Amino acid sequence: MSVVGTFNDWTPGAHPLKRRSNGTASASVKVPVGTTVRFRYLGENGRWFDDDDADEITVEGSVVLV
């Protein structure tokens, strides 16, 4: 599973999610302040999904205003 978006040219696998001891998974991405980031998660079997906690969800994916 990985996070894919404007910060990595939508490249699957560039930012894999790592399992945490509390059962969640996460990845760290650095972007400049004032950036609007669009992203989605790519899961098993090519399943794409959005982040319910994003600032906005559009047809292009999850949106976070940094």
PDB file of N, CA and C in Angstrom:
ATOM      1  N   MET A   1       0.843  -1.153   0.000  1.00  0.00           N
ATOM      2  CA  MET A   1       0.000   0.000   0.000  1.00  0.00           C
ATOM      3  C   MET A   1       0.902   1.235   0.000  1.00  0.00           C
ATOM      4  N   SER A   2       0.509   2.263  -0.779  1.00  0.00           N
ATOM      5  CA  SER A   2       1.306   3.480  -0.833  1.00  0.00           C
ATOM      6  C   SER A   2       0.411   4.701  -0.990  1.00  0.00           C
ATOM      7  N   VAL A   3       0.994   5.874  -0.705  1.00  0.00           N
ATOM      8  CA  VAL A   3       0.298   7.133  -0.931  1.00  0.00           C
ATOM      9  C   VAL A   3       0.894   7.734  -2.205  1.00  0.00           C
ATOM     10  N   VAL A   4       0.004   8.154  -3.083  1.00  0.00           N
ATOM     11  CA  VAL A   4       0.393   8.597  -4.419  1.00  0.00           C
ATOM     12  C   VAL A   4      -0.269   9.945  -4.673  1.00  0.00           C
ATOM     13  N   GLY A   5       0.486  10.904  -5.209  1.00  0.00           N
ATOM     14  CA  GLY A   5      -0.126  12.202  -5.438  1.00  0.00           C
ATOM     15  C   GLY A   5       0.749  13.181  -6.180  1.00  0.00           C
ATOM     16  N   THR A   6       0.355  14.448  -6.098  1.00  0.00           N
ATOM     17  CA  THR A   6       1.064  15.498  -6.817  1.00  0.00           C
ATOM     18  C   THR A   6       2.501  15.663  -6.330  1.00  0.00           C
ATOM     19  N   PHE A   7       2.773  15.273  -5.098  1.00  0.00           N
ATOM     20  CA  PHE A   7       4.109  15.403  -4.514  1.00  0.00           C
ATOM     21  C   PHE A   7       5.104  14.379  -5.044  1.00  0.00           C
ATOM     22  N   ASN A   8       4.614  13.323  -5.702  1.00  0.00           N
ATOM     23  CA  ASN A   8       5.520  12.310  -6.267  1.00  0.00           C
ATOM     24  C   ASN A   8       5.127  11.938  -7.703  1.00  0.00           C
ATOM     25  N   ASP A   9       4.513  12.883  -8.396  1.00  0.00           N
ATOM     26  CA  ASP A   9       4.099  12.678  -9.794  1.00  0.00           C
ATOM     27  C   ASP A   9       3.223  11.446  -9.974  1.00  0.00           C
ATOM     28  N   TRP A  10       2.414  11.152  -8.947  1.00  0.00           N
ATOM     29  CA  TRP A  10       1.472  10.020  -8.981  1.00  0.00           C
ATOM     30  C   TRP A  10       2.182   8.688  -9.265  1.00  0.00           C
ATOM     31  N   THR A  11       3.355   8.509  -8.640  1.00  0.00           N
ATOM     32  CA  THR A  11       4.153   7.296  -8.852  1.00  0.00           C
ATOM     33  C   THR A  11       3.838   6.255  -7.786  1.00  0.00           C
ATOM     34  N   PRO A  12       3.145   5.159  -8.149  1.00  0.00           N
ATOM     35  CA  PRO A  12       2.842   4.110  -7.180  1.00  0.00           C
ATOM     36  C   PRO A  12       4.116   3.522  -6.575  1.00  0.00           C
ATOM     37  N   GLY A  13       4.099   3.297  -5.271  1.00  0.00           N
ATOM     38  CA  GLY A  13       5.223   2.675  -4.587  1.00  0.00           C
ATOM     39  C   GLY A  13       6.313   3.640  -4.151  1.00  0.00           C
ATOM     40  N   ALA A  14       6.261   4.900  -4.580  1.00  0.00           N
ATOM     41  CA  ALA A  14       7.300   5.862  -4.211  1.00  0.00           C
ATOM     42  C   ALA A  14       7.265   6.191  -2.714  1.00  0.00           C
ATOM     43  N   HIS A  15       6.083   6.160  -2.113  1.00  0.00           N
ATOM     44  CA  HIS A  15       5.912   6.438  -0.684  1.00  0.00           C
ATOM     45  C   HIS A  15       5.051   5.330  -0.053  1.00  0.00           C
ATOM     46  N   PRO A  16       5.665   4.180   0.229  1.00  0.00           N
ATOM     47  CA  PRO A  16       4.898   3.085   0.832  1.00  0.00           C
ATOM     48  C   PRO A  16       4.450   3.431   2.248  1.00  0.00           C
ATOM     49  N   LEU A  17       3.278   2.949   2.614  1.00  0.00           N
ATOM     50  CA  LEU A  17       2.783   3.128   3.975  1.00  0.00           C
ATOM     51  C   LEU A  17       3.426   2.069   4.867  1.00  0.00           C
ATOM     52  N   LYS A  18       3.828   2.479   6.064  1.00  0.00           N
ATOM     53  CA  LYS A  18       4.451   1.562   7.021  1.00  0.00           C
ATOM     54  C   LYS A  18       3.489   1.319   8.170  1.00  0.00           C
ATOM     55  N   ARG A  19       3.364   0.065   8.554  1.00  0.00           N
ATOM     56  CA  ARG A  19       2.489  -0.297   9.675  1.00  0.00           C
ATOM     57  C   ARG A  19       3.072   0.233  10.969  1.00  0.00           C
ATOM     58  N   ARG A  20       2.214   0.773  11.810  1.00  0.00           N
ATOM     59  CA  ARG A  20       2.595   1.297  13.115  1.00  0.00           C
ATOM     60  C   ARG A  20       2.101   0.353  14.203  1.00  0.00           C
ATOM     61  N   SER A  21       2.663   0.478  15.386  1.00  0.00           N
ATOM     62  CA  SER A  21       2.306  -0.424  16.493  1.00  0.00           C
ATOM     63  C   SER A  21       0.848  -0.278  16.930  1.00  0.00           C
ATOM     64  N   ASN A  22       0.222   0.871  16.612  1.00  0.00           N
ATOM     65  CA  ASN A  22      -1.173   1.072  17.010  1.00  0.00           C
ATOM     66  C   ASN A  22      -2.162   0.547  15.968  1.00  0.00           C
ATOM     67  N   GLY A  23      -1.658  -0.125  14.923  1.00  0.00           N
ATOM     68  CA  GLY A  23      -2.530  -0.725  13.921  1.00  0.00           C
ATOM     69  C   GLY A  23      -2.782   0.145  12.710  1.00  0.00           C
ATOM     70  N   THR A  24      -2.327   1.392  12.735  1.00  0.00           N
ATOM     71  CA  THR A  24      -2.494   2.272  11.581  1.00  0.00           C
ATOM     72  C   THR A  24      -1.289   2.142  10.652  1.00  0.00           C
ATOM     73  N   ALA A  25      -1.363   2.798   9.514  1.00  0.00           N
ATOM     74  CA  ALA A  25      -0.239   2.836   8.580  1.00  0.00           C
ATOM     75  C   ALA A  25      -0.040   4.288   8.168  1.00  0.00           C
ATOM     76  N   SER A  26       1.220   4.677   7.920  1.00  0.00           N
ATOM     77  CA  SER A  26       1.484   6.062   7.550  1.00  0.00           C
ATOM     78  C   SER A  26       2.744   6.175   6.704  1.00  0.00           C
ATOM     79  N   ALA A  27       2.885   7.333   6.073  1.00  0.00           N
ATOM     80  CA  ALA A  27       4.086   7.691   5.326  1.00  0.00           C
ATOM     81  C   ALA A  27       4.328   9.170   5.569  1.00  0.00           C
ATOM     82  N   SER A  28       5.583   9.595   5.514  1.00  0.00           N
ATOM     83  CA  SER A  28       5.919  11.012   5.687  1.00  0.00           C
ATOM     84  C   SER A  28       6.286  11.606   4.340  1.00  0.00           C
ATOM     85  N   VAL A  29       5.729  12.780   4.077  1.00  0.00           N
ATOM     86  CA  VAL A  29       5.990  13.491   2.837  1.00  0.00           C
ATOM     87  C   VAL A  29       6.230  14.954   3.190  1.00  0.00           C
ATOM     88  N   LYS A  30       7.310  15.547   2.687  1.00  0.00           N
ATOM     89  CA  LYS A  30       7.581  16.961   2.923  1.00  0.00           C
ATOM     90  C   LYS A  30       7.186  17.763   1.688  1.00  0.00           C
ATOM     91  N   VAL A  31       6.391  18.807   1.918  1.00  0.00           N
ATOM     92  CA  VAL A  31       5.980  19.707   0.836  1.00  0.00           C
ATOM     93  C   VAL A  31       6.097  21.141   1.341  1.00  0.00           C
ATOM     94  N   PRO A  32       6.305  22.097   0.438  1.00  0.00           N
ATOM     95  CA  PRO A  32       6.427  23.495   0.855  1.00  0.00           C
ATOM     96  C   PRO A  32       5.121  24.033   1.460  1.00  0.00           C
ATOM     97  N   VAL A  33       5.256  24.904   2.456  1.00  0.00           N
ATOM     98  CA  VAL A  33       4.097  25.564   3.056  1.00  0.00           C
ATOM     99  C   VAL A  33       3.368  26.343   1.966  1.00  0.00           C
ATOM    100  N   GLY A  34       2.047  26.318   2.020  1.00  0.00           N
ATOM    101  CA  GLY A  34       1.232  27.010   1.029  1.00  0.00           C
ATOM    102  C   GLY A  34       0.881  26.157  -0.170  1.00  0.00           C
ATOM    103  N   THR A  35       1.296  24.903  -0.145  1.00  0.00           N
ATOM    104  CA  THR A  35       1.031  23.975  -1.243  1.00  0.00           C
ATOM    105  C   THR A  35      -0.322  23.304  -1.067  1.00  0.00           C
ATOM    106  N   THR A  36      -1.018  23.102  -2.174  1.00  0.00           N
ATOM    107  CA  THR A  36      -2.220  22.275  -2.182  1.00  0.00           C
ATOM    108  C   THR A  36      -1.799  20.910  -2.706  1.00  0.00           C
ATOM    109  N   VAL A  37      -1.999  19.881  -1.900  1.00  0.00           N
ATOM    110  CA  VAL A  37      -1.588  18.520  -2.259  1.00  0.00           C
ATOM    111  C   VAL A  37      -2.820  17.694  -2.592  1.00  0.00           C
ATOM    112  N   ARG A  38      -2.777  17.018  -3.728  1.00  0.00           N
ATOM    113  CA  ARG A  38      -3.824  16.071  -4.116  1.00  0.00           C
ATOM    114  C   ARG A  38      -3.207  14.678  -4.046  1.00  0.00           C
ATOM    115  N   PHE A  39      -3.956  13.749  -3.465  1.00  0.00           N
ATOM    116  CA  PHE A  39      -3.404  12.402  -3.295  1.00  0.00           C
ATOM    117  C   PHE A  39      -4.512  11.371  -3.159  1.00  0.00           C
ATOM    118  N   ARG A  40      -4.108  10.128  -3.311  1.00  0.00           N
ATOM    119  CA  ARG A  40      -4.977   8.983  -3.048  1.00  0.00           C
ATOM    120  C   ARG A  40      -4.098   7.882  -2.490  1.00  0.00           C
ATOM    121  N   TYR A  41      -4.720   6.894  -1.903  1.00  0.00           N
ATOM    122  CA  TYR A  41      -4.007   5.705  -1.448  1.00  0.00           C
ATOM    123  C   TYR A  41      -4.210   4.605  -2.474  1.00  0.00           C
ATOM    124  N   LEU A  42      -3.157   3.852  -2.725  1.00  0.00           N
ATOM    125  CA  LEU A  42      -3.223   2.702  -3.618  1.00  0.00           C
ATOM    126  C   LEU A  42      -3.029   1.456  -2.772  1.00  0.00           C
ATOM    127  N   GLY A  43      -4.084   0.658  -2.682  1.00  0.00           N
ATOM    128  CA  GLY A  43      -4.062  -0.531  -1.842  1.00  0.00           C
ATOM    129  C   GLY A  43      -3.858  -1.801  -2.637  1.00  0.00           C
ATOM    130  N   GLU A  44      -4.145  -2.891  -1.993  1.00  0.00           N
ATOM    131  CA  GLU A  44      -3.989  -4.212  -2.608  1.00  0.00           C
ATOM    132  C   GLU A  44      -4.900  -4.359  -3.821  1.00  0.00           C
ATOM    133  N   ASN A  45      -4.452  -5.125  -4.779  1.00  0.00           N
ATOM    134  CA  ASN A  45      -5.205  -5.419  -5.999  1.00  0.00           C
ATOM    135  C   ASN A  45      -5.552  -4.160  -6.801  1.00  0.00           C
ATOM    136  N   GLY A  46      -4.716  -3.112  -6.676  1.00  0.00           N
ATOM    137  CA  GLY A  46      -4.933  -1.900  -7.452  1.00  0.00           C
ATOM    138  C   GLY A  46      -6.113  -1.066  -7.009  1.00  0.00           C
ATOM    139  N   ARG A  47      -6.571  -1.252  -5.783  1.00  0.00           N
ATOM    140  CA  ARG A  47      -7.732  -0.508  -5.258  1.00  0.00           C
ATOM    141  C   ARG A  47      -7.292   0.881  -4.794  1.00  0.00           C
ATOM    142  N   TRP A  48      -7.906   1.918  -5.357  1.00  0.00           N
ATOM    143  CA  TRP A  48      -7.645   3.307  -4.980  1.00  0.00           C
ATOM    144  C   TRP A  48      -8.679   3.752  -3.965  1.00  0.00           C
ATOM    145  N   PHE A  49      -8.257   4.542  -2.972  1.00  0.00           N
ATOM    146  CA  PHE A  49      -9.229   5.117  -2.052  1.00  0.00           C
ATOM    147  C   PHE A  49      -8.722   6.435  -1.500  1.00  0.00           C
ATOM    148  N   ASP A  50      -9.669   7.238  -1.001  1.00  0.00           N
ATOM    149  CA  ASP A  50      -9.380   8.569  -0.502  1.00  0.00           C
ATOM    150  C   ASP A  50      -9.286   8.579   1.019  1.00  0.00           C
ATOM    151  N   ASP A  51      -8.821   9.708   1.550  1.00  0.00           N
ATOM    152  CA  ASP A  51      -8.654   9.891   2.988  1.00  0.00           C
ATOM    153  C   ASP A  51      -9.840  10.693   3.528  1.00  0.00           C
ATOM    154  N   ASP A  52     -10.638  10.067   4.368  1.00  0.00           N
ATOM    155  CA  ASP A  52     -11.819  10.728   4.936  1.00  0.00           C
ATOM    156  C   ASP A  52     -11.460  11.964   5.762  1.00  0.00           C
ATOM    157  N   ASP A  53     -10.215  12.069   6.227  1.00  0.00           N
ATOM    158  CA  ASP A  53      -9.794  13.198   7.047  1.00  0.00           C
ATOM    159  C   ASP A  53      -9.170  14.330   6.227  1.00  0.00           C
ATOM    160  N   ALA A  54      -9.179  14.218   4.907  1.00  0.00           N
ATOM    161  CA  ALA A  54      -8.622  15.277   4.054  1.00  0.00           C
ATOM    162  C   ALA A  54      -9.461  16.542   4.163  1.00  0.00           C
ATOM    163  N   ASP A  55      -8.868  17.667   3.784  1.00  0.00           N
ATOM    164  CA  ASP A  55      -9.605  18.935   3.804  1.00  0.00           C
ATOM    165  C   ASP A  55     -10.774  18.912   2.827  1.00  0.00           C
ATOM    166  N   GLU A  56     -10.612  18.179   1.736  1.00  0.00           N
ATOM    167  CA  GLU A  56     -11.646  18.087   0.703  1.00  0.00           C
ATOM    168  C   GLU A  56     -11.419  16.798  -0.078  1.00  0.00           C
ATOM    169  N   ILE A  57     -12.480  16.224  -0.617  1.00  0.00           N
ATOM    170  CA  ILE A  57     -12.361  15.070  -1.513  1.00  0.00           C
ATOM    171  C   ILE A  57     -13.048  15.446  -2.811  1.00  0.00           C
ATOM    172  N   THR A  58     -12.298  15.336  -3.915  1.00  0.00           N
ATOM    173  CA  THR A  58     -12.827  15.671  -5.230  1.00  0.00           C
ATOM    174  C   THR A  58     -12.707  14.443  -6.131  1.00  0.00           C
ATOM    175  N   VAL A  59     -13.132  14.575  -7.370  1.00  0.00           N
ATOM    176  CA  VAL A  59     -12.999  13.468  -8.328  1.00  0.00           C
ATOM    177  C   VAL A  59     -11.528  13.171  -8.599  1.00  0.00           C
ATOM    178  N   GLU A  60     -10.653  14.115  -8.299  1.00  0.00           N
ATOM    179  CA  GLU A  60      -9.215  13.925  -8.486  1.00  0.00           C
ATOM    180  C   GLU A  60      -8.538  13.352  -7.257  1.00  0.00           C
ATOM    181  N   GLY A  61      -9.288  13.105  -6.200  1.00  0.00           N
ATOM    182  CA  GLY A  61      -8.727  12.517  -4.997  1.00  0.00           C
ATOM    183  C   GLY A  61      -8.856  13.414  -3.780  1.00  0.00           C
ATOM    184  N   SER A  62      -8.122  13.066  -2.746  1.00  0.00           N
ATOM    185  CA  SER A  62      -8.109  13.811  -1.488  1.00  0.00           C
ATOM    186  C   SER A  62      -7.282  15.079  -1.680  1.00  0.00           C
ATOM    187  N   VAL A  63      -7.686  16.151  -0.983  1.00  0.00           N
ATOM    188  CA  VAL A  63      -6.984  17.426  -1.075  1.00  0.00           C
ATOM    189  C   VAL A  63      -6.627  17.891   0.327  1.00  0.00           C
ATOM    190  N   VAL A  64      -5.351  18.292   0.517  1.00  0.00           N
ATOM    191  CA  VAL A  64      -4.902  18.865   1.770  1.00  0.00           C
ATOM    192  C   VAL A  64      -4.221  20.185   1.462  1.00  0.00           C
ATOM    193  N   LEU A  65      -4.603  21.209   2.209  1.00  0.00           N
ATOM    194  CA  LEU A  65      -3.980  22.527   2.074  1.00  0.00           C
ATOM    195  C   LEU A  65      -2.908  22.640   3.138  1.00  0.00           C
ATOM    196  N   VAL A  66      -1.645  22.684   2.716  1.00  0.00           N
ATOM    197  CA  VAL A  66      -0.521  22.674   3.662  1.00  0.00           C
ATOM    198  C   VAL A  66      -0.186  24.082   4.100  1.00  0.00           C
TER     199      VAL A  66
END
